[in-house]
Structures are given as structure tokens and as C-alpha cells.
Amino acid sequence: MSKFHSLPLARKFAVTFGLVCCLCLALGTYTFFTLRSIAAMSAEVGGDDFPSIAHLATIRNAMNQVRRADLDMLVCQTPGCT
């Protein structure tokens, strides 16, 4: 600590700025690899699980159309509708 205390102010700023830059670089590297591993783990959700959800939505829309057609037949009073 006494070595840092005896340095001129400009040198202190240069040393601390360099230290902060190195820490930012290390944090950026850590964040990059962490987010990359999270993206790799979540890739199977998008590739395997999401298409099944899309098929379920298609099935739901088809069932809604069938229900609407059944309701139209029930509500219609003329023989031409059936």
C-alpha cells in the first residue's frame, strides 16, 4: 500500500484505469462464455419442444373451427343450413 501511496497522481489514475479495463475485459469474457453455454442448453427447447407447441396450437385452432361449425348447425333453424 505504501508503494501505491508514493506514486504521483497521474500514475495512480493510469494504474487504476488499466486495472478497471482488465477487470472489464475479464467480465466480458466470462459473460460471453456463460451466455454461450446458456444458449447451447436452451437450443433444445427451441428445436425439440417448440414445434410440439406449434402443433398443439394448430390442433386447438382446428378444434375451434369444428366447435364453431357445430354451434352454427345448432343455432340455424332453417333446413338449408343443415
C-alpha atoms as a PDB file:
ATOM      1  CA  MET A   1       0.000   0.000   0.000  1.00  0.00           C
ATOM      2  CA  SER A   2       2.900   2.371   0.681  1.00  0.00           C
ATOM      3  CA  LYS A   3       4.178   1.873  -2.892  1.00  0.00           C
ATOM      4  CA  PHE A   4       0.820   2.989  -4.271  1.00  0.00           C
ATOM      5  CA  HIS A   5       0.760   5.890  -1.817  1.00  0.00           C
ATOM      6  CA  SER A   6       4.080   7.268  -3.048  1.00  0.00           C
ATOM      7  CA  LEU A   7       3.111   7.249  -6.753  1.00  0.00           C
ATOM      8  CA  PRO A   8       2.225  10.517  -8.486  1.00  0.00           C
ATOM      9  CA  LEU A   9      -1.476  11.179  -9.071  1.00  0.00           C
ATOM     10  CA  ALA A  10      -1.260  10.737 -12.860  1.00  0.00           C
ATOM     11  CA  ARG A  11       0.383   7.336 -12.404  1.00  0.00           C
ATOM     12  CA  LYS A  12      -2.320   6.321  -9.907  1.00  0.00           C
ATOM     13  CA  PHE A  13      -5.015   7.170 -12.456  1.00  0.00           C
ATOM     14  CA  ALA A  14      -3.183   5.218 -15.161  1.00  0.00           C
ATOM     15  CA  VAL A  15      -2.772   2.161 -12.936  1.00  0.00           C
ATOM     16  CA  THR A  16      -6.382   2.172 -11.704  1.00  0.00           C
ATOM     17  CA  PHE A  17      -7.723   2.780 -15.237  1.00  0.00           C
ATOM     18  CA  GLY A  18      -5.669  -0.152 -16.516  1.00  0.00           C
ATOM     19  CA  LEU A  19      -6.937  -2.308 -13.667  1.00  0.00           C
ATOM     20  CA  VAL A  20     -10.550  -1.371 -14.419  1.00  0.00           C
ATOM     21  CA  CYS A  21     -10.021  -2.117 -18.130  1.00  0.00           C
ATOM     22  CA  CYS A  22      -8.576  -5.541 -17.306  1.00  0.00           C
ATOM     23  CA  LEU A  23     -11.491  -6.319 -15.000  1.00  0.00           C
ATOM     24  CA  CYS A  24     -13.992  -5.254 -17.677  1.00  0.00           C
ATOM     25  CA  LEU A  25     -12.250  -7.479 -20.194  1.00  0.00           C
ATOM     26  CA  ALA A  26     -12.368 -10.426 -17.782  1.00  0.00           C
ATOM     27  CA  LEU A  27     -16.040  -9.801 -17.008  1.00  0.00           C
ATOM     28  CA  GLY A  28     -16.867  -9.560 -20.719  1.00  0.00           C
ATOM     29  CA  THR A  29     -15.110 -12.864 -21.403  1.00  0.00           C
ATOM     30  CA  TYR A  30     -16.888 -14.557 -18.518  1.00  0.00           C
ATOM     31  CA  THR A  31     -20.258 -13.180 -19.651  1.00  0.00           C
ATOM     32  CA  PHE A  32     -19.665 -14.291 -23.243  1.00  0.00           C
ATOM     33  CA  PHE A  33     -18.900 -17.878 -22.270  1.00  0.00           C
ATOM     34  CA  THR A  34     -21.730 -18.007 -19.727  1.00  0.00           C
ATOM     35  CA  LEU A  35     -24.334 -16.724 -22.195  1.00  0.00           C
ATOM     36  CA  ARG A  36     -22.959 -19.061 -24.859  1.00  0.00           C
ATOM     37  CA  SER A  37     -23.441 -22.074 -22.583  1.00  0.00           C
ATOM     38  CA  ILE A  38     -26.958 -20.933 -21.664  1.00  0.00           C
ATOM     39  CA  ALA A  39     -27.795 -20.569 -25.374  1.00  0.00           C
ATOM     40  CA  ALA A  40     -26.472 -24.066 -26.036  1.00  0.00           C
ATOM     41  CA  MET A  41     -28.571 -25.523 -23.218  1.00  0.00           C
ATOM     42  CA  SER A  42     -31.707 -23.724 -24.376  1.00  0.00           C
ATOM     43  CA  ALA A  43     -31.252 -24.705 -28.038  1.00  0.00           C
ATOM     44  CA  GLU A  44     -33.038 -27.994 -27.466  1.00  0.00           C
ATOM     45  CA  VAL A  45     -36.071 -26.133 -26.140  1.00  0.00           C
ATOM     46  CA  GLY A  46     -36.382 -24.239 -29.402  1.00  0.00           C
ATOM     47  CA  GLY A  47     -35.559 -27.243 -31.551  1.00  0.00           C
ATOM     48  CA  ASP A  48     -37.434 -30.035 -29.786  1.00  0.00           C
ATOM     49  CA  ASP A  49     -40.126 -28.583 -27.571  1.00  0.00           C
ATOM     50  CA  PHE A  50     -41.357 -25.575 -29.508  1.00  0.00           C
ATOM     51  CA  PRO A  51     -42.508 -27.436 -32.655  1.00  0.00           C
ATOM     52  CA  SER A  52     -44.766 -29.601 -30.483  1.00  0.00           C
ATOM     53  CA  ILE A  53     -46.290 -26.428 -29.034  1.00  0.00           C
ATOM     54  CA  ALA A  54     -46.890 -25.172 -32.572  1.00  0.00           C
ATOM     55  CA  HIS A  55     -48.648 -28.462 -33.431  1.00  0.00           C
ATOM     56  CA  LEU A  56     -50.799 -28.123 -30.316  1.00  0.00           C
ATOM     57  CA  ALA A  57     -51.821 -24.623 -31.414  1.00  0.00           C
ATOM     58  CA  THR A  58     -52.775 -25.977 -34.850  1.00  0.00           C
ATOM     59  CA  ILE A  59     -54.855 -28.732 -33.244  1.00  0.00           C
ATOM     60  CA  ARG A  60     -56.550 -26.196 -30.976  1.00  0.00           C
ATOM     61  CA  ASN A  61     -57.453 -23.990 -33.956  1.00  0.00           C
ATOM     62  CA  ALA A  62     -58.885 -26.978 -35.815  1.00  0.00           C
ATOM     63  CA  MET A  63     -61.000 -27.960 -32.807  1.00  0.00           C
ATOM     64  CA  ASN A  64     -62.280 -24.381 -32.508  1.00  0.00           C
ATOM     65  CA  GLN A  65     -63.374 -24.494 -36.147  1.00  0.00           C
ATOM     66  CA  VAL A  66     -65.209 -27.781 -35.552  1.00  0.00           C
ATOM     67  CA  ARG A  67     -66.934 -26.314 -32.490  1.00  0.00           C
ATOM     68  CA  ARG A  68     -67.985 -23.215 -34.408  1.00  0.00           C
ATOM     69  CA  ALA A  69     -69.408 -25.365 -37.207  1.00  0.00           C
ATOM     70  CA  ASP A  70     -71.339 -27.466 -34.653  1.00  0.00           C
ATOM     71  CA  LEU A  71     -72.657 -24.314 -32.989  1.00  0.00           C
ATOM     72  CA  ASP A  72     -73.736 -22.917 -36.351  1.00  0.00           C
ATOM     73  CA  MET A  73     -75.667 -26.125 -37.059  1.00  0.00           C
ATOM     74  CA  LEU A  74     -77.362 -25.983 -33.649  1.00  0.00           C
ATOM     75  CA  VAL A  75     -78.295 -22.322 -33.913  1.00  0.00           C
ATOM     76  CA  CYS A  76     -79.523 -22.471 -37.512  1.00  0.00           C
ATOM     77  CA  GLN A  77     -83.287 -23.021 -37.735  1.00  0.00           C
ATOM     78  CA  THR A  78     -83.732 -23.492 -41.477  1.00  0.00           C
ATOM     79  CA  PRO A  79     -83.296 -26.870 -43.194  1.00  0.00           C
ATOM     80  CA  GLY A  80     -80.967 -25.266 -45.751  1.00  0.00           C
ATOM     81  CA  CYS A  81     -78.246 -24.770 -43.107  1.00  0.00           C
ATOM     82  CA  THR A  82     -78.041 -28.432 -42.200  1.00  0.00           C
END
